[in-house]
Amino acid sequence: MAENAKASELTARMDECREAALTATWLVLQGETQAQDAIDRYLSAWRFVEPKTDGETLRTLGLPPGPGYRRILGALRAAWIDDELHSEAEEKALLQKMIEKEASHGRSA
């Protein structure tokens, strides 16, 4: 596992793995405490993190359905996992910036 990888980057990689494979990897990595700790954090916490915002919220805010939903929801989840967000108010502020960015990309396309 990359030493300087963000928690959200590790989570994205581990999201693709079966729990049994992660457990087996943890066992093989005896003595590799950083890697084992990352797997522990993923299995106990990171994989369960979801933003407060969902697709219905994005629709209500006027964002048309499309790939922007995945980008926004993924970025919000990553911000929570990376401990960049600490409250629903912070998520809403970040969400507003992301929606504005998506809207400006849509107009320039």
C-alpha atoms as a PDB file:
ATOM      1  CA  MET A   1       0.000   0.000   0.000  1.00  0.00           C
ATOM      2  CA  ALA A   2       1.248   3.429  -0.821  1.00  0.00           C
ATOM      3  CA  GLU A   3       2.696   5.132   2.238  1.00  0.00           C
ATOM      4  CA  ASN A   4       1.471   8.600   1.321  1.00  0.00           C
ATOM      5  CA  ALA A   5      -1.913   7.605  -0.057  1.00  0.00           C
ATOM      6  CA  LYS A   6      -4.944   9.360   1.358  1.00  0.00           C
ATOM      7  CA  ALA A   7      -7.458   7.276   3.272  1.00  0.00           C
ATOM      8  CA  SER A   8      -9.995   7.893   0.496  1.00  0.00           C
ATOM      9  CA  GLU A   9      -7.562   6.568  -2.129  1.00  0.00           C
ATOM     10  CA  LEU A  10      -6.994   3.410  -0.098  1.00  0.00           C
ATOM     11  CA  THR A  11     -10.743   3.072   0.402  1.00  0.00           C
ATOM     12  CA  ALA A  12     -11.369   3.338  -3.337  1.00  0.00           C
ATOM     13  CA  ARG A  13      -8.898   0.510  -3.931  1.00  0.00           C
ATOM     14  CA  MET A  14     -10.295  -1.665  -1.156  1.00  0.00           C
ATOM     15  CA  ASP A  15     -13.909  -1.059  -2.266  1.00  0.00           C
ATOM     16  CA  GLU A  16     -13.036  -3.294  -5.231  1.00  0.00           C
ATOM     17  CA  CYS A  17     -11.954  -6.192  -2.998  1.00  0.00           C
ATOM     18  CA  ARG A  18     -13.922  -8.874  -1.243  1.00  0.00           C
ATOM     19  CA  GLU A  19     -13.803  -8.822   2.535  1.00  0.00           C
ATOM     20  CA  ALA A  20     -12.254 -12.311   2.580  1.00  0.00           C
ATOM     21  CA  ALA A  21      -9.443 -11.152   0.296  1.00  0.00           C
ATOM     22  CA  LEU A  22      -8.733  -8.181   2.557  1.00  0.00           C
ATOM     23  CA  THR A  23      -8.701 -10.430   5.608  1.00  0.00           C
ATOM     24  CA  ALA A  24      -6.299 -12.837   3.897  1.00  0.00           C
ATOM     25  CA  THR A  25      -4.098  -9.915   2.870  1.00  0.00           C
ATOM     26  CA  TRP A  26      -4.090  -8.655   6.463  1.00  0.00           C
ATOM     27  CA  LEU A  27      -2.872 -12.102   7.620  1.00  0.00           C
ATOM     28  CA  VAL A  28      -0.107 -12.218   5.002  1.00  0.00           C
ATOM     29  CA  LEU A  29       1.102  -8.748   5.964  1.00  0.00           C
ATOM     30  CA  GLN A  30       2.278  -9.741   9.449  1.00  0.00           C
ATOM     31  CA  GLY A  31       4.674  -7.048  10.657  1.00  0.00           C
ATOM     32  CA  GLU A  32       3.450  -4.502   8.100  1.00  0.00           C
ATOM     33  CA  THR A  33       1.545  -2.485  10.690  1.00  0.00           C
ATOM     34  CA  GLN A  34       0.756   0.497   8.445  1.00  0.00           C
ATOM     35  CA  ALA A  35      -0.861  -1.713   5.826  1.00  0.00           C
ATOM     36  CA  GLN A  36      -2.660  -3.801   8.440  1.00  0.00           C
ATOM     37  CA  ASP A  37      -3.935  -0.639  10.134  1.00  0.00           C
ATOM     38  CA  ALA A  38      -5.303   0.638   6.817  1.00  0.00           C
ATOM     39  CA  ILE A  39      -7.152  -2.638   6.237  1.00  0.00           C
ATOM     40  CA  ASP A  40      -8.470  -2.535   9.816  1.00  0.00           C
ATOM     41  CA  ARG A  41      -9.731   1.035   9.340  1.00  0.00           C
ATOM     42  CA  TYR A  42     -11.367   0.115   6.048  1.00  0.00           C
ATOM     43  CA  LEU A  43     -13.117  -2.958   7.447  1.00  0.00           C
ATOM     44  CA  SER A  44     -14.260  -1.216  10.626  1.00  0.00           C
ATOM     45  CA  ALA A  45     -15.087   2.297   9.422  1.00  0.00           C
ATOM     46  CA  TRP A  46     -14.146   3.636   5.995  1.00  0.00           C
ATOM     47  CA  ARG A  47     -16.302   1.270   3.950  1.00  0.00           C
ATOM     48  CA  PHE A  48     -19.387   2.420   5.831  1.00  0.00           C
ATOM     49  CA  VAL A  49     -18.855   6.165   5.279  1.00  0.00           C
ATOM     50  CA  GLU A  50     -21.512   7.838   3.138  1.00  0.00           C
ATOM     51  CA  PRO A  51     -22.145  11.533   2.566  1.00  0.00           C
ATOM     52  CA  LYS A  52     -25.326  13.062   3.982  1.00  0.00           C
ATOM     53  CA  THR A  53     -26.169  14.137   0.418  1.00  0.00           C
ATOM     54  CA  ASP A  54     -27.755  11.657  -1.977  1.00  0.00           C
ATOM     55  CA  GLY A  55     -29.001  11.676  -5.546  1.00  0.00           C
ATOM     56  CA  GLU A  56     -32.399  12.994  -4.503  1.00  0.00           C
ATOM     57  CA  THR A  57     -30.722  15.966  -2.822  1.00  0.00           C
ATOM     58  CA  LEU A  58     -28.775  16.705  -6.014  1.00  0.00           C
ATOM     59  CA  ARG A  59     -31.966  16.497  -8.097  1.00  0.00           C
ATOM     60  CA  THR A  60     -33.752  18.826  -5.658  1.00  0.00           C
ATOM     61  CA  LEU A  61     -30.890  21.312  -5.987  1.00  0.00           C
ATOM     62  CA  GLY A  62     -31.429  21.374  -9.751  1.00  0.00           C
ATOM     63  CA  LEU A  63     -28.486  19.279 -10.940  1.00  0.00           C
ATOM     64  CA  PRO A  64     -29.571  17.179 -13.919  1.00  0.00           C
ATOM     65  CA  PRO A  65     -28.924  13.443 -13.531  1.00  0.00           C
ATOM     66  CA  GLY A  66     -25.663  12.286 -15.061  1.00  0.00           C
ATOM     67  CA  PRO A  67     -21.999  11.564 -14.336  1.00  0.00           C
ATOM     68  CA  GLY A  68     -21.786  14.667 -12.145  1.00  0.00           C
ATOM     69  CA  TYR A  69     -23.733  12.808  -9.460  1.00  0.00           C
ATOM     70  CA  ARG A  70     -21.030  10.162  -9.159  1.00  0.00           C
ATOM     71  CA  ARG A  71     -18.260  12.764  -9.101  1.00  0.00           C
ATOM     72  CA  ILE A  72     -19.958  14.853  -6.433  1.00  0.00           C
ATOM     73  CA  LEU A  73     -21.051  11.984  -4.206  1.00  0.00           C
ATOM     74  CA  GLY A  74     -17.627  10.339  -4.520  1.00  0.00           C
ATOM     75  CA  ALA A  75     -15.837  13.574  -3.667  1.00  0.00           C
ATOM     76  CA  LEU A  76     -18.083  14.147  -0.641  1.00  0.00           C
ATOM     77  CA  ARG A  77     -17.459  10.612   0.597  1.00  0.00           C
ATOM     78  CA  ALA A  78     -13.709  11.078   0.111  1.00  0.00           C
ATOM     79  CA  ALA A  79     -13.801  14.343   2.065  1.00  0.00           C
ATOM     80  CA  TRP A  80     -15.490  12.600   5.004  1.00  0.00           C
ATOM     81  CA  ILE A  81     -13.026   9.680   4.901  1.00  0.00           C
ATOM     82  CA  ASP A  82     -10.041  12.045   4.695  1.00  0.00           C
ATOM     83  CA  ASP A  83     -11.388  13.945   7.724  1.00  0.00           C
ATOM     84  CA  GLU A  84     -11.822  17.131   5.675  1.00  0.00           C
ATOM     85  CA  LEU A  85     -15.481  17.398   6.688  1.00  0.00           C
ATOM     86  CA  HIS A  86     -16.702  17.428  10.283  1.00  0.00           C
ATOM     87  CA  SER A  87     -20.335  18.504  10.029  1.00  0.00           C
ATOM     88  CA  GLU A  88     -23.338  18.479   7.768  1.00  0.00           C
ATOM     89  CA  ALA A  89     -22.955  22.271   7.392  1.00  0.00           C
ATOM     90  CA  GLU A  90     -19.415  21.792   6.059  1.00  0.00           C
ATOM     91  CA  GLU A  91     -20.708  19.179   3.622  1.00  0.00           C
ATOM     92  CA  LYS A  92     -23.422  21.564   2.409  1.00  0.00           C
ATOM     93  CA  ALA A  93     -20.854  24.328   1.823  1.00  0.00           C
ATOM     94  CA  LEU A  94     -18.601  21.973  -0.147  1.00  0.00           C
ATOM     95  CA  LEU A  95     -21.613  20.627  -2.036  1.00  0.00           C
ATOM     96  CA  GLN A  96     -22.593  24.140  -3.111  1.00  0.00           C
ATOM     97  CA  LYS A  97     -19.098  24.738  -4.533  1.00  0.00           C
ATOM     98  CA  MET A  98     -19.222  21.416  -6.381  1.00  0.00           C
ATOM     99  CA  ILE A  99     -22.645  22.112  -7.862  1.00  0.00           C
ATOM    100  CA  GLU A 100     -21.459  25.516  -9.075  1.00  0.00           C
ATOM    101  CA  LYS A 101     -18.433  23.841 -10.663  1.00  0.00           C
ATOM    102  CA  GLU A 102     -20.612  21.186 -12.332  1.00  0.00           C
ATOM    103  CA  ALA A 103     -22.986  23.864 -13.608  1.00  0.00           C
ATOM    104  CA  SER A 104     -20.128  25.895 -15.094  1.00  0.00           C
ATOM    105  CA  HIS A 105     -18.732  22.780 -16.805  1.00  0.00           C
ATOM    106  CA  GLY A 106     -22.162  22.037 -18.229  1.00  0.00           C
ATOM    107  CA  ARG A 107     -22.451  25.529 -19.707  1.00  0.00           C
ATOM    108  CA  SER A 108     -18.998  25.410 -21.284  1.00  0.00           C
ATOM    109  CA  ALA A 109     -19.534  22.005 -22.869  1.00  0.00           C
END
